[in-house]
Protein backbone atom coordinates (compact mmCIF):
# COMPACT_ATOMS: atom_id res chain seq x y z
CA MET A 1 50.16 23.48 -54.99
CA HIS A 2 50.63 23.55 -51.26
CA ILE A 3 47.36 24.44 -49.48
CA SER A 4 47.16 25.25 -45.77
CA VAL A 5 43.74 25.24 -44.04
CA LYS A 6 43.66 26.54 -40.44
CA GLY A 7 41.15 27.69 -37.88
CA ARG A 8 41.62 30.65 -35.55
CA GLN A 9 40.05 29.47 -32.28
CA ILE A 10 37.77 27.08 -34.13
CA ASP A 11 38.22 23.44 -35.08
CA VAL A 12 38.40 22.85 -38.82
CA GLY A 13 37.11 19.35 -39.50
CA ASP A 14 38.32 16.98 -42.19
CA ALA A 15 35.28 17.63 -44.39
CA LEU A 16 35.75 21.40 -44.39
CA ARG A 17 39.51 21.05 -44.91
CA ALA A 18 38.94 18.75 -47.91
CA TYR A 19 36.26 21.10 -49.34
CA ALA A 20 38.62 24.11 -49.00
CA GLN A 21 41.51 22.29 -50.61
CA GLN A 22 39.40 21.01 -53.53
CA SER A 23 37.84 24.46 -54.01
CA LEU A 24 41.17 26.28 -54.10
CA GLU A 25 42.88 23.72 -56.36
CA GLY A 26 40.07 24.09 -58.89
CA LEU A 27 39.87 27.87 -58.58
CA VAL A 28 43.57 28.77 -58.86
CA GLY A 29 44.29 25.87 -61.24
CA LYS A 30 41.72 27.20 -63.66
CA TYR A 31 43.81 30.32 -64.26
CA PHE A 32 47.39 29.18 -63.59
CA ASP A 33 49.18 26.02 -64.71
CA ARG A 34 51.47 25.59 -61.72
CA PRO A 35 50.25 27.62 -58.71
CA ILE A 36 52.64 27.87 -55.77
CA GLU A 37 50.63 27.96 -52.60
CA ALA A 38 47.42 29.06 -50.92
CA SER A 39 46.12 29.32 -47.39
CA VAL A 40 42.67 29.62 -45.82
CA VAL A 41 42.07 30.81 -42.26
CA PHE A 42 38.65 30.37 -40.76
CA SER A 43 37.52 32.40 -37.76
CA ARG A 44 34.31 33.19 -36.01
CA SER A 45 32.82 36.43 -34.64
CA GLY A 46 29.51 35.81 -32.95
CA HIS A 47 27.34 33.78 -35.25
CA THR A 48 29.31 34.74 -38.34
CA PHE A 49 32.06 32.63 -39.85
CA ASN A 50 34.91 34.36 -41.71
CA ALA A 51 37.16 32.87 -44.34
CA ASP A 52 40.37 34.64 -45.35
CA ILE A 53 42.14 33.33 -48.46
CA SER A 54 45.67 34.21 -49.46
CA ALA A 55 47.09 32.65 -52.64
CA HIS A 56 50.37 32.85 -54.56
CA PRO A 57 49.33 31.62 -58.00
CA SER A 58 52.64 32.70 -59.57
CA ARG A 59 55.95 34.16 -58.44
CA GLY A 60 55.48 37.81 -57.60
CA VAL A 61 51.70 37.66 -57.45
CA LEU A 62 49.63 37.68 -54.25
CA VAL A 63 45.85 37.35 -54.29
CA GLN A 64 43.76 37.89 -51.14
CA GLY A 65 40.08 37.79 -50.42
CA SER A 66 37.75 37.27 -47.51
CA GLY A 67 34.14 36.31 -46.97
CA ALA A 68 31.67 36.12 -44.18
CA ALA A 69 28.49 34.07 -43.75
CA ASN A 70 26.48 32.15 -41.18
CA ASP A 71 28.19 28.90 -42.36
CA ALA A 72 31.87 28.18 -42.81
CA TYR A 73 31.30 26.61 -46.22
CA ALA A 74 29.32 29.62 -47.39
CA ALA A 75 32.03 32.01 -46.08
CA LEU A 76 34.60 30.07 -48.08
CA ASP A 77 32.37 30.28 -51.20
CA VAL A 78 32.09 34.10 -50.79
CA ALA A 79 35.83 34.50 -50.45
CA SER A 80 36.45 32.12 -53.38
CA GLU A 81 34.10 34.16 -55.62
CA ARG A 82 36.08 37.30 -54.82
CA ILE A 83 39.35 35.55 -55.60
CA ALA A 84 37.84 34.18 -58.87
CA ARG A 85 36.86 37.73 -59.97
CA GLN A 86 40.31 38.99 -59.15
CA LEU A 87 42.05 36.23 -61.07
CA HIS A 88 39.71 36.59 -64.07
CA ARG A 89 40.39 40.34 -64.21
CA TYR A 90 44.13 39.69 -63.87
CA LYS A 91 44.21 37.19 -66.72
CA GLN A 92 42.21 39.55 -68.95
CA ARG A 93 44.66 42.41 -68.27
CA LEU A 94 47.56 40.17 -69.29
CA GLY A 95 45.91 39.76 -72.67
CA PRO A 96 48.24 38.29 -75.31
CA HIS A 97 51.07 37.76 -72.83
CA LYS A 98 49.16 34.77 -71.35
CA GLY A 99 50.86 33.84 -68.13
CA LYS A 100 53.74 36.32 -68.26
CA VAL A 101 54.03 38.12 -64.96
CA GLU A 102 56.27 41.12 -64.24
CA VAL A 103 58.49 39.77 -61.47
CA ASP A 104 61.39 42.22 -61.54
CA SER A 105 61.83 43.76 -58.10
CA VAL A 106 64.32 45.35 -55.79
CA GLN A 107 64.89 44.43 -52.19
CA ALA A 108 63.93 46.87 -49.42
CA GLN A 109 63.84 46.75 -45.68
CA GLN A 110 60.38 46.85 -44.13
CA PHE A 111 59.93 47.91 -40.49
CA ILE A 112 56.99 47.77 -38.11
CA ILE A 113 57.07 50.65 -35.65
CA ALA A 114 55.29 50.67 -32.29
CA ALA A 115 52.03 52.61 -32.65
CA ASP A 116 51.74 54.21 -29.23
CA GLU A 117 54.90 56.10 -28.26
CA GLU A 118 53.56 56.86 -24.78
CA GLU A 119 53.61 53.17 -23.78
CA VAL A 120 56.83 52.25 -25.62
CA PRO A 121 60.00 54.23 -24.87
CA VAL A 122 61.66 56.08 -27.75
CA ALA A 123 65.29 55.16 -28.13
CA GLU A 124 67.62 58.02 -29.01
CA GLY A 125 64.84 60.15 -30.49
CA GLN A 126 63.78 57.35 -32.89
CA PRO A 127 60.59 55.26 -32.65
CA VAL A 128 60.98 51.70 -31.42
CA ILE A 129 61.04 49.12 -34.18
CA ILE A 130 59.13 45.97 -33.17
CA ALA A 131 59.66 43.96 -36.37
CA GLU A 132 62.09 44.06 -39.32
CA MET A 133 61.84 42.08 -42.54
CA THR A 134 62.77 42.13 -46.20
CA ALA A 135 60.18 43.17 -48.75
CA ASP A 136 60.15 43.26 -52.56
CA VAL A 137 59.47 46.54 -54.30
CA PRO A 138 58.20 45.52 -57.78
CA ILE A 139 59.44 47.18 -60.93
CA CYS A 140 56.34 47.62 -63.06
CA THR A 141 54.06 50.03 -64.91
CA VAL A 142 51.31 52.00 -63.15
CA SER A 143 48.70 49.63 -64.53
CA GLY A 144 50.70 46.63 -63.29
CA ALA A 145 50.83 48.24 -59.83
CA VAL A 146 47.06 48.79 -59.87
CA MET A 147 46.66 45.15 -60.77
CA ARG A 148 48.82 44.20 -57.79
CA LEU A 149 46.78 46.48 -55.52
CA ASP A 150 43.54 44.82 -56.67
CA LEU A 151 44.91 41.27 -56.43
CA ALA A 152 46.40 41.70 -52.96
CA ASP A 153 43.39 43.67 -51.75
CA ALA A 154 45.96 46.01 -50.19
CA PRO A 155 45.48 49.64 -49.18
CA ALA A 156 48.71 50.75 -50.91
CA VAL A 157 51.52 49.51 -53.19
CA LEU A 158 54.98 51.01 -53.41
CA PHE A 159 56.71 50.28 -56.75
CA ARG A 160 59.53 51.43 -59.01
CA ASN A 161 57.99 52.87 -62.16
CA SER A 162 59.43 50.99 -65.18
CA ALA A 163 58.86 54.05 -67.37
CA HIS A 164 61.33 56.31 -65.55
CA GLY A 165 62.84 54.30 -62.64
CA GLY A 166 61.45 56.51 -59.89
CA LEU A 167 59.68 55.28 -56.78
CA ASN A 168 55.89 55.68 -56.98
CA MET A 169 52.97 54.69 -54.79
CA ILE A 170 49.37 53.90 -55.54
CA TYR A 171 46.69 53.73 -52.89
CA ARG A 172 42.97 53.22 -52.52
CA ARG A 173 41.21 56.47 -51.64
CA PRO A 174 38.26 56.61 -49.22
CA ASP A 175 35.98 57.44 -52.18
CA GLY A 176 36.92 54.13 -53.89
CA ASN A 177 39.15 55.64 -56.56
CA ILE A 178 42.90 54.96 -56.78
CA GLY A 179 45.44 57.62 -56.02
CA TRP A 180 48.90 57.71 -57.62
CA ILE A 181 51.89 59.49 -56.07
CA ASP A 182 54.72 60.26 -58.52
CA PRO A 183 57.31 62.42 -56.68
CA GLN A 184 58.98 65.17 -58.75
CA GLY A 185 62.49 66.50 -58.28
CA ILE A 186 64.13 63.20 -57.39
CA PRO A 187 66.92 61.75 -59.50
CA ARG A 188 65.60 59.35 -62.10
CA ARG A 189 67.16 56.91 -64.47
CA ASP A 190 66.43 59.05 -67.56
CA SER A 191 67.90 62.28 -66.08
CA ALA A 192 71.22 60.74 -64.96
C-alpha cells in the first residue's frame, strides 16, 4: 500500500511519518488484504494539531476521517479510531460476501463553479466554471450508498439505484439522519 504523509505548514519529522505509516498499514491491512493507498495530512490551528486521513482500501471505496488533539500523535490516533470504526462497520455490512465491493459505476463530468458571481464575470448567462474533472457515479443499492456516505464522511452521494436504474441522492441532514432523494417521473430502466 502506498502511504503519503504530509504536513500543511508544519514539518513532519521522520518519527511521526514512520508512526503514521505503521499505524495505517496495520489499521487498513486488518480489514483488507491488498489496500491501494492512504494519505495523512497534518495541520495546526493554534495549539491544536489536526490529522486528516484519506484511504482507498479497495477499488471504489474511499474512507475519510479526521482528528484533533494537543499532540500530532494523539490527533492521528483519534482519526485512526474513526477510520477503524468505519472499516469495521463496512466489513460487518458486507457479511457473507467478505471482501466483495460493488464497483460498477458510470462516468460523469464534475464541475466546480465560482461561488461569488459578483466578483467573477458570468459568461453568456452561465456561471464561470473554475474546475472540471471526471467523477464516478456508483451503481449500487440504497444501503450501499449509505455505506459509501459513511465511509467517505461526505455530505452527499449521487448514485444510480441498482433496483430501477434511476439517479438517486442520499445526504446527511442537519438533524443527523440521512435523507434519500428518489425522483419520480423520469425514464427508468424498468419502464422502457
